[in-house]
Amino acid sequence: MTNKEKNELYDWVYKYPTRYEKGFMPDELTNVLSEYPNIDMKKYDEAMMGNTCVMYEGKFCMYHTDVYHALLCGIEGRDLKLTEWD
C-alpha cells in the first residue's frame, strides 16, 4: 500500500462509527472485513493474535490500533512488524 492508502485506511478505521469509543465489537469487525473480500485472512488473524482488548456485553472489543495493523497485514499479505506491536 502507498502511504496515502495507509493514511486513508487509518482515517477510515479511526472514524468508523463503533458502538464503543475503545474499538470494534465482533459484528463491527465482520462489517469491516466485508469491505476487503480479497484480504489474506491468515495474515489478518495472525496479526490479531495476542493483542490486548476490553470486554463489553461479554464480548471482546478490539482496539482501533490492532484492527488497523491487522488490516494492513491482511491487505499486504505480510506479518506484523515488531514496530507495529503495541
PDB file of N, CA and C in Angstrom:
ATOM      1  N   MET A   1       0.842  -1.184   0.000  1.00  0.00           N
ATOM      2  CA  MET A   1       0.000   0.000   0.000  1.00  0.00           C
ATOM      3  C   MET A   1       0.884   1.244   0.000  1.00  0.00           C
ATOM      4  N   THR A   2       0.402   2.255  -0.638  1.00  0.00           N
ATOM      5  CA  THR A   2       1.125   3.528  -0.616  1.00  0.00           C
ATOM      6  C   THR A   2       0.880   4.223   0.724  1.00  0.00           C
ATOM      7  N   ASN A   3       1.679   5.212   1.030  1.00  0.00           N
ATOM      8  CA  ASN A   3       1.465   5.977   2.267  1.00  0.00           C
ATOM      9  C   ASN A   3       0.094   6.635   2.273  1.00  0.00           C
ATOM     10  N   LYS A   4      -0.338   7.109   1.127  1.00  0.00           N
ATOM     11  CA  LYS A   4      -1.664   7.731   1.022  1.00  0.00           C
ATOM     12  C   LYS A   4      -2.748   6.705   1.351  1.00  0.00           C
ATOM     13  N   GLU A   5      -2.632   5.510   0.806  1.00  0.00           N
ATOM     14  CA  GLU A   5      -3.615   4.457   1.078  1.00  0.00           C
ATOM     15  C   GLU A   5      -3.603   4.059   2.557  1.00  0.00           C
ATOM     16  N   LYS A   6      -2.415   4.005   3.146  1.00  0.00           N
ATOM     17  CA  LYS A   6      -2.316   3.690   4.569  1.00  0.00           C
ATOM     18  C   LYS A   6      -2.977   4.771   5.409  1.00  0.00           C
ATOM     19  N   ASN A   7      -2.768   6.026   5.038  1.00  0.00           N
ATOM     20  CA  ASN A   7      -3.396   7.135   5.760  1.00  0.00           C
ATOM     21  C   ASN A   7      -4.910   7.090   5.628  1.00  0.00           C
ATOM     22  N   GLU A   8      -5.398   6.760   4.444  1.00  0.00           N
ATOM     23  CA  GLU A   8      -6.844   6.655   4.220  1.00  0.00           C
ATOM     24  C   GLU A   8      -7.427   5.508   5.045  1.00  0.00           C
ATOM     25  N   LEU A   9      -6.732   4.377   5.091  1.00  0.00           N
ATOM     26  CA  LEU A   9      -7.190   3.251   5.900  1.00  0.00           C
ATOM     27  C   LEU A   9      -7.206   3.629   7.373  1.00  0.00           C
ATOM     28  N   TYR A  10      -6.159   4.289   7.825  1.00  0.00           N
ATOM     29  CA  TYR A  10      -6.069   4.742   9.210  1.00  0.00           C
ATOM     30  C   TYR A  10      -7.258   5.640   9.559  1.00  0.00           C
ATOM     31  N   ASP A  11      -7.509   6.615   8.716  1.00  0.00           N
ATOM     32  CA  ASP A  11      -8.635   7.528   8.955  1.00  0.00           C
ATOM     33  C   ASP A  11      -9.959   6.771   8.967  1.00  0.00           C
ATOM     34  N   TRP A  12     -10.126   5.845   8.049  1.00  0.00           N
ATOM     35  CA  TRP A  12     -11.368   5.074   7.961  1.00  0.00           C
ATOM     36  C   TRP A  12     -11.575   4.253   9.229  1.00  0.00           C
ATOM     37  N   VAL A  13     -10.525   3.574   9.692  1.00  0.00           N
ATOM     38  CA  VAL A  13     -10.629   2.745  10.897  1.00  0.00           C
ATOM     39  C   VAL A  13     -10.948   3.606  12.115  1.00  0.00           C
ATOM     40  N   TYR A  14     -10.252   4.702  12.273  1.00  0.00           N
ATOM     41  CA  TYR A  14     -10.433   5.530  13.465  1.00  0.00           C
ATOM     42  C   TYR A  14     -11.717   6.365  13.436  1.00  0.00           C
ATOM     43  N   LYS A  15     -12.294   6.567  12.269  1.00  0.00           N
ATOM     44  CA  LYS A  15     -13.553   7.304  12.162  1.00  0.00           C
ATOM     45  C   LYS A  15     -14.758   6.379  12.011  1.00  0.00           C
ATOM     46  N   TYR A  16     -14.504   5.087  11.968  1.00  0.00           N
ATOM     47  CA  TYR A  16     -15.597   4.125  11.825  1.00  0.00           C
ATOM     48  C   TYR A  16     -16.553   4.292  13.009  1.00  0.00           C
ATOM     49  N   PRO A  17     -17.850   4.300  12.750  1.00  0.00           N
ATOM     50  CA  PRO A  17     -18.821   4.532  13.829  1.00  0.00           C
ATOM     51  C   PRO A  17     -19.023   3.303  14.736  1.00  0.00           C
ATOM     52  N   THR A  18     -18.060   3.056  15.602  1.00  0.00           N
ATOM     53  CA  THR A  18     -18.167   1.934  16.537  1.00  0.00           C
ATOM     54  C   THR A  18     -19.113   2.291  17.684  1.00  0.00           C
ATOM     55  N   ARG A  19     -19.724   1.259  18.262  1.00  0.00           N
ATOM     56  CA  ARG A  19     -20.618   1.486  19.402  1.00  0.00           C
ATOM     57  C   ARG A  19     -19.866   1.976  20.623  1.00  0.00           C
ATOM     58  N   TYR A  20     -18.634   1.532  20.757  1.00  0.00           N
ATOM     59  CA  TYR A  20     -17.831   1.893  21.917  1.00  0.00           C
ATOM     60  C   TYR A  20     -16.594   2.646  21.458  1.00  0.00           C
ATOM     61  N   GLU A  21     -16.254   3.663  22.187  1.00  0.00           N
ATOM     62  CA  GLU A  21     -15.109   4.508  21.856  1.00  0.00           C
ATOM     63  C   GLU A  21     -13.807   3.715  21.780  1.00  0.00           C
ATOM     64  N   LYS A  22     -13.700   2.674  22.585  1.00  0.00           N
ATOM     65  CA  LYS A  22     -12.455   1.897  22.659  1.00  0.00           C
ATOM     66  C   LYS A  22     -12.153   1.107  21.392  1.00  0.00           C
ATOM     67  N   GLY A  23     -13.189   0.710  20.639  1.00  0.00           N
ATOM     68  CA  GLY A  23     -12.888  -0.078  19.457  1.00  0.00           C
ATOM     69  C   GLY A  23     -14.056  -0.837  18.879  1.00  0.00           C
ATOM     70  N   PHE A  24     -13.750  -1.970  18.257  1.00  0.00           N
ATOM     71  CA  PHE A  24     -14.682  -2.727  17.432  1.00  0.00           C
ATOM     72  C   PHE A  24     -15.219  -3.973  18.128  1.00  0.00           C
ATOM     73  N   MET A  25     -16.531  -4.099  18.106  1.00  0.00           N
ATOM     74  CA  MET A  25     -17.196  -5.307  18.572  1.00  0.00           C
ATOM     75  C   MET A  25     -17.173  -6.328  17.431  1.00  0.00           C
ATOM     76  N   PRO A  26     -17.409  -7.617  17.739  1.00  0.00           N
ATOM     77  CA  PRO A  26     -17.319  -8.650  16.696  1.00  0.00           C
ATOM     78  C   PRO A  26     -18.162  -8.386  15.449  1.00  0.00           C
ATOM     79  N   ASP A  27     -19.394  -7.936  15.622  1.00  0.00           N
ATOM     80  CA  ASP A  27     -20.234  -7.680  14.447  1.00  0.00           C
ATOM     81  C   ASP A  27     -19.695  -6.514  13.622  1.00  0.00           C
ATOM     82  N   GLU A  28     -19.095  -5.547  14.279  1.00  0.00           N
ATOM     83  CA  GLU A  28     -18.489  -4.431  13.554  1.00  0.00           C
ATOM     84  C   GLU A  28     -17.273  -4.895  12.762  1.00  0.00           C
ATOM     85  N   LEU A  29     -16.498  -5.809  13.349  1.00  0.00           N
ATOM     86  CA  LEU A  29     -15.340  -6.355  12.624  1.00  0.00           C
ATOM     87  C   LEU A  29     -15.787  -7.142  11.402  1.00  0.00           C
ATOM     88  N   THR A  30     -16.890  -7.860  11.527  1.00  0.00           N
ATOM     89  CA  THR A  30     -17.433  -8.595  10.376  1.00  0.00           C
ATOM     90  C   THR A  30     -17.766  -7.626   9.250  1.00  0.00           C
ATOM     91  N   ASN A  31     -18.380  -6.493   9.599  1.00  0.00           N
ATOM     92  CA  ASN A  31     -18.709  -5.476   8.589  1.00  0.00           C
ATOM     93  C   ASN A  31     -17.450  -4.887   7.969  1.00  0.00           C
ATOM     94  N   VAL A  32     -16.451  -4.605   8.789  1.00  0.00           N
ATOM     95  CA  VAL A  32     -15.194  -4.060   8.290  1.00  0.00           C
ATOM     96  C   VAL A  32     -14.543  -5.034   7.313  1.00  0.00           C
ATOM     97  N   LEU A  33     -14.457  -6.287   7.705  1.00  0.00           N
ATOM     98  CA  LEU A  33     -13.796  -7.283   6.854  1.00  0.00           C
ATOM     99  C   LEU A  33     -14.551  -7.519   5.551  1.00  0.00           C
ATOM    100  N   SER A  34     -15.852  -7.307   5.551  1.00  0.00           N
ATOM    101  CA  SER A  34     -16.618  -7.478   4.313  1.00  0.00           C
ATOM    102  C   SER A  34     -16.230  -6.434   3.264  1.00  0.00           C
ATOM    103  N   GLU A  35     -15.612  -5.346   3.706  1.00  0.00           N
ATOM    104  CA  GLU A  35     -15.140  -4.314   2.782  1.00  0.00           C
ATOM    105  C   GLU A  35     -13.868  -4.743   2.040  1.00  0.00           C
ATOM    106  N   TYR A  36     -13.244  -5.819   2.510  1.00  0.00           N
ATOM    107  CA  TYR A  36     -11.973  -6.282   1.944  1.00  0.00           C
ATOM    108  C   TYR A  36     -12.078  -7.767   1.585  1.00  0.00           C
ATOM    109  N   PRO A  37     -12.821  -8.095   0.521  1.00  0.00           N
ATOM    110  CA  PRO A  37     -13.045  -9.506   0.183  1.00  0.00           C
ATOM    111  C   PRO A  37     -11.782 -10.272  -0.205  1.00  0.00           C
ATOM    112  N   ASN A  38     -10.731  -9.582  -0.598  1.00  0.00           N
ATOM    113  CA  ASN A  38      -9.501 -10.253  -1.023  1.00  0.00           C
ATOM    114  C   ASN A  38      -8.426 -10.258   0.055  1.00  0.00           C
ATOM    115  N   ILE A  39      -8.787  -9.899   1.276  1.00  0.00           N
ATOM    116  CA  ILE A  39      -7.811  -9.834   2.359  1.00  0.00           C
ATOM    117  C   ILE A  39      -7.278 -11.235   2.677  1.00  0.00           C
ATOM    118  N   ASP A  40      -6.021 -11.304   3.019  1.00  0.00           N
ATOM    119  CA  ASP A  40      -5.407 -12.562   3.448  1.00  0.00           C
ATOM    120  C   ASP A  40      -5.795 -12.768   4.917  1.00  0.00           C
ATOM    121  N   MET A  41      -6.831 -13.587   5.123  1.00  0.00           N
ATOM    122  CA  MET A  41      -7.366 -13.766   6.475  1.00  0.00           C
ATOM    123  C   MET A  41      -6.370 -14.452   7.403  1.00  0.00           C
ATOM    124  N   LYS A  42      -5.490 -15.269   6.866  1.00  0.00           N
ATOM    125  CA  LYS A  42      -4.477 -15.902   7.714  1.00  0.00           C
ATOM    126  C   LYS A  42      -3.565 -14.829   8.312  1.00  0.00           C
ATOM    127  N   LYS A  43      -3.110 -13.893   7.482  1.00  0.00           N
ATOM    128  CA  LYS A  43      -2.230 -12.825   7.965  1.00  0.00           C
ATOM    129  C   LYS A  43      -2.987 -11.884   8.908  1.00  0.00           C
ATOM    130  N   TYR A  44      -4.245 -11.611   8.599  1.00  0.00           N
ATOM    131  CA  TYR A  44      -5.075 -10.777   9.472  1.00  0.00           C
ATOM    132  C   TYR A  44      -5.216 -11.434  10.848  1.00  0.00           C
ATOM    133  N   ASP A  45      -5.606 -12.709  10.846  1.00  0.00           N
ATOM    134  CA  ASP A  45      -5.800 -13.430  12.107  1.00  0.00           C
ATOM    135  C   ASP A  45      -4.507 -13.531  12.908  1.00  0.00           C
ATOM    136  N   GLU A  46      -3.401 -13.785  12.236  1.00  0.00           N
ATOM    137  CA  GLU A  46      -2.114 -13.867  12.932  1.00  0.00           C
ATOM    138  C   GLU A  46      -1.770 -12.530  13.591  1.00  0.00           C
ATOM    139  N   ALA A  47      -2.063 -11.439  12.907  1.00  0.00           N
ATOM    140  CA  ALA A  47      -1.775 -10.112  13.457  1.00  0.00           C
ATOM    141  C   ALA A  47      -2.681  -9.797  14.655  1.00  0.00           C
ATOM    142  N   MET A  48      -3.869 -10.381  14.688  1.00  0.00           N
ATOM    143  CA  MET A  48      -4.806 -10.131  15.788  1.00  0.00           C
ATOM    144  C   MET A  48      -4.502 -10.998  17.014  1.00  0.00           C
ATOM    145  N   MET A  49      -3.699 -12.032  16.858  1.00  0.00           N
ATOM    146  CA  MET A  49      -3.393 -12.921  17.978  1.00  0.00           C
ATOM    147  C   MET A  49      -2.559 -12.223  19.037  1.00  0.00           C
ATOM    148  N   GLY A  50      -2.952 -12.388  20.278  1.00  0.00           N
ATOM    149  CA  GLY A  50      -2.172 -11.878  21.393  1.00  0.00           C
ATOM    150  C   GLY A  50      -2.323 -10.392  21.648  1.00  0.00           C
ATOM    151  N   ASN A  51      -3.256  -9.749  20.964  1.00  0.00           N
ATOM    152  CA  ASN A  51      -3.411  -8.320  21.213  1.00  0.00           C
ATOM    153  C   ASN A  51      -4.239  -8.088  22.474  1.00  0.00           C
ATOM    154  N   THR A  52      -4.203  -6.880  22.954  1.00  0.00           N
ATOM    155  CA  THR A  52      -4.979  -6.526  24.137  1.00  0.00           C
ATOM    156  C   THR A  52      -6.361  -6.058  23.704  1.00  0.00           C
ATOM    157  N   CYS A  53      -7.316  -6.180  24.589  1.00  0.00           N
ATOM    158  CA  CYS A  53      -8.666  -5.759  24.267  1.00  0.00           C
ATOM    159  C   CYS A  53      -9.432  -5.502  25.566  1.00  0.00           C
ATOM    160  N   VAL A  54     -10.644  -5.015  25.425  1.00  0.00           N
ATOM    161  CA  VAL A  54     -11.544  -4.838  26.551  1.00  0.00           C
ATOM    162  C   VAL A  54     -12.789  -5.661  26.268  1.00  0.00           C
ATOM    163  N   MET A  55     -13.621  -5.805  27.278  1.00  0.00           N
ATOM    164  CA  MET A  55     -14.864  -6.549  27.080  1.00  0.00           C
ATOM    165  C   MET A  55     -16.061  -5.652  27.357  1.00  0.00           C
ATOM    166  N   TYR A  56     -17.037  -5.768  26.483  1.00  0.00           N
ATOM    167  CA  TYR A  56     -18.340  -5.141  26.642  1.00  0.00           C
ATOM    168  C   TYR A  56     -19.378  -6.183  26.272  1.00  0.00           C
ATOM    169  N   GLU A  57     -20.469  -6.196  26.973  1.00  0.00           N
ATOM    170  CA  GLU A  57     -21.560  -7.128  26.653  1.00  0.00           C
ATOM    171  C   GLU A  57     -21.070  -8.576  26.676  1.00  0.00           C
ATOM    172  N   GLY A  58     -20.004  -8.845  27.421  1.00  0.00           N
ATOM    173  CA  GLY A  58     -19.447 -10.195  27.464  1.00  0.00           C
ATOM    174  C   GLY A  58     -18.705 -10.607  26.203  1.00  0.00           C
ATOM    175  N   LYS A  59     -18.362  -9.632  25.362  1.00  0.00           N
ATOM    176  CA  LYS A  59     -17.659  -9.913  24.105  1.00  0.00           C
ATOM    177  C   LYS A  59     -16.410  -9.057  24.032  1.00  0.00           C
ATOM    178  N   PHE A  60     -15.423  -9.551  23.269  1.00  0.00           N
ATOM    179  CA  PHE A  60     -14.179  -8.810  23.088  1.00  0.00           C
ATOM    180  C   PHE A  60     -14.396  -7.595  22.207  1.00  0.00           C
ATOM    181  N   CYS A  61     -13.800  -6.505  22.603  1.00  0.00           N
ATOM    182  CA  CYS A  61     -13.811  -5.264  21.835  1.00  0.00           C
ATOM    183  C   CYS A  61     -12.360  -4.973  21.461  1.00  0.00           C
ATOM    184  N   MET A  62     -12.087  -4.972  20.166  1.00  0.00           N
ATOM    185  CA  MET A  62     -10.719  -4.819  19.675  1.00  0.00           C
ATOM    186  C   MET A  62     -10.373  -3.353  19.444  1.00  0.00           C
ATOM    187  N   TYR A  63      -9.224  -2.957  19.967  1.00  0.00           N
ATOM    188  CA  TYR A  63      -8.783  -1.573  19.827  1.00  0.00           C
ATOM    189  C   TYR A  63      -8.544  -1.205  18.363  1.00  0.00           C
ATOM    190  N   HIS A  64      -8.760   0.063  18.065  1.00  0.00           N
ATOM    191  CA  HIS A  64      -8.576   0.574  16.707  1.00  0.00           C
ATOM    192  C   HIS A  64      -7.178   0.275  16.167  1.00  0.00           C
ATOM    193  N   THR A  65      -6.164   0.469  16.986  1.00  0.00           N
ATOM    194  CA  THR A  65      -4.788   0.271  16.511  1.00  0.00           C
ATOM    195  C   THR A  65      -4.547  -1.173  16.077  1.00  0.00           C
ATOM    196  N   ASP A  66      -5.107  -2.127  16.829  1.00  0.00           N
ATOM    197  CA  ASP A  66      -4.919  -3.534  16.471  1.00  0.00           C
ATOM    198  C   ASP A  66      -5.643  -3.871  15.169  1.00  0.00           C
ATOM    199  N   VAL A  67      -6.837  -3.340  15.006  1.00  0.00           N
ATOM    200  CA  VAL A  67      -7.594  -3.577  13.773  1.00  0.00           C
ATOM    201  C   VAL A  67      -6.860  -2.956  12.588  1.00  0.00           C
ATOM    202  N   TYR A  68      -6.392  -1.744  12.760  1.00  0.00           N
ATOM    203  CA  TYR A  68      -5.658  -1.079  11.673  1.00  0.00           C
ATOM    204  C   TYR A  68      -4.440  -1.898  11.239  1.00  0.00           C
ATOM    205  N   HIS A  69      -3.617  -2.301  12.196  1.00  0.00           N
ATOM    206  CA  HIS A  69      -2.405  -3.049  11.845  1.00  0.00           C
ATOM    207  C   HIS A  69      -2.726  -4.431  11.273  1.00  0.00           C
ATOM    208  N   ALA A  70      -3.755  -5.077  11.786  1.00  0.00           N
ATOM    209  CA  ALA A  70      -4.152  -6.379  11.241  1.00  0.00           C
ATOM    210  C   ALA A  70      -4.667  -6.230   9.812  1.00  0.00           C
ATOM    211  N   LEU A  71      -5.424  -5.164   9.560  1.00  0.00           N
ATOM    212  CA  LEU A  71      -5.880  -4.927   8.190  1.00  0.00           C
ATOM    213  C   LEU A  71      -4.698  -4.699   7.254  1.00  0.00           C
ATOM    214  N   LEU A  72      -3.734  -3.912   7.695  1.00  0.00           N
ATOM    215  CA  LEU A  72      -2.531  -3.707   6.871  1.00  0.00           C
ATOM    216  C   LEU A  72      -1.876  -5.044   6.533  1.00  0.00           C
ATOM    217  N   CYS A  73      -1.714  -5.887   7.538  1.00  0.00           N
ATOM    218  CA  CYS A  73      -1.075  -7.189   7.318  1.00  0.00           C
ATOM    219  C   CYS A  73      -1.880  -8.040   6.340  1.00  0.00           C
ATOM    220  N   GLY A  74      -3.184  -8.062   6.520  1.00  0.00           N
ATOM    221  CA  GLY A  74      -4.034  -8.858   5.639  1.00  0.00           C
ATOM    222  C   GLY A  74      -4.072  -8.331   4.222  1.00  0.00           C
ATOM    223  N   ILE A  75      -4.139  -7.027   4.080  1.00  0.00           N
ATOM    224  CA  ILE A  75      -4.186  -6.414   2.752  1.00  0.00           C
ATOM    225  C   ILE A  75      -2.853  -6.589   2.031  1.00  0.00           C
ATOM    226  N   GLU A  76      -1.769  -6.405   2.764  1.00  0.00           N
ATOM    227  CA  GLU A  76      -0.435  -6.511   2.163  1.00  0.00           C
ATOM    228  C   GLU A  76       0.104  -7.938   2.160  1.00  0.00           C
ATOM    229  N   GLY A  77      -0.593  -8.867   2.819  1.00  0.00           N
ATOM    230  CA  GLY A  77      -0.160 -10.265   2.840  1.00  0.00           C
ATOM    231  C   GLY A  77       1.169 -10.455   3.539  1.00  0.00           C
ATOM    232  N   ARG A  78       1.295  -9.837   4.713  1.00  0.00           N
ATOM    233  CA  ARG A  78       2.572  -9.895   5.426  1.00  0.00           C
ATOM    234  C   ARG A  78       2.346 -10.097   6.922  1.00  0.00           C
ATOM    235  N   ASP A  79       3.445 -10.346   7.614  1.00  0.00           N
ATOM    236  CA  ASP A  79       3.396 -10.498   9.059  1.00  0.00           C
ATOM    237  C   ASP A  79       3.444  -9.131   9.739  1.00  0.00           C
ATOM    238  N   LEU A  80       3.003  -9.109  10.973  1.00  0.00           N
ATOM    239  CA  LEU A  80       3.062  -7.909  11.798  1.00  0.00           C
ATOM    240  C   LEU A  80       4.522  -7.559  12.063  1.00  0.00           C
ATOM    241  N   LYS A  81       4.871  -6.304  11.895  1.00  0.00           N
ATOM    242  CA  LYS A  81       6.233  -5.850  12.172  1.00  0.00           C
ATOM    243  C   LYS A  81       6.376  -5.581  13.667  1.00  0.00           C
ATOM    244  N   LEU A  82       7.557  -5.751  14.175  1.00  0.00           N
ATOM    245  CA  LEU A  82       7.819  -5.512  15.584  1.00  0.00           C
ATOM    246  C   LEU A  82       7.399  -4.099  15.994  1.00  0.00           C
ATOM    247  N   THR A  83       7.607  -3.142  15.127  1.00  0.00           N
ATOM    248  CA  THR A  83       7.256  -1.750  15.433  1.00  0.00           C
ATOM    249  C   THR A  83       5.746  -1.513  15.445  1.00  0.00           C
ATOM    250  N   GLU A  84       4.975  -2.459  14.952  1.00  0.00           N
ATOM    251  CA  GLU A  84       3.517  -2.335  14.938  1.00  0.00           C
ATOM    252  C   GLU A  84       2.872  -2.966  16.177  1.00  0.00           C
ATOM    253  N   TRP A  85       3.647  -3.706  16.913  1.00  0.00           N
ATOM    254  CA  TRP A  85       3.135  -4.373  18.107  1.00  0.00           C
ATOM    255  C   TRP A  85       2.934  -3.330  19.191  1.00  0.00           C
ATOM    256  N   ASP A  86       1.788  -3.356  19.856  1.00  0.00           N
ATOM    257  CA  ASP A  86       1.557  -2.362  20.911  1.00  0.00           C
ATOM    258  C   ASP A  86       1.693  -2.950  22.285  1.00  0.00           C
TER     259      ASP A  86
END
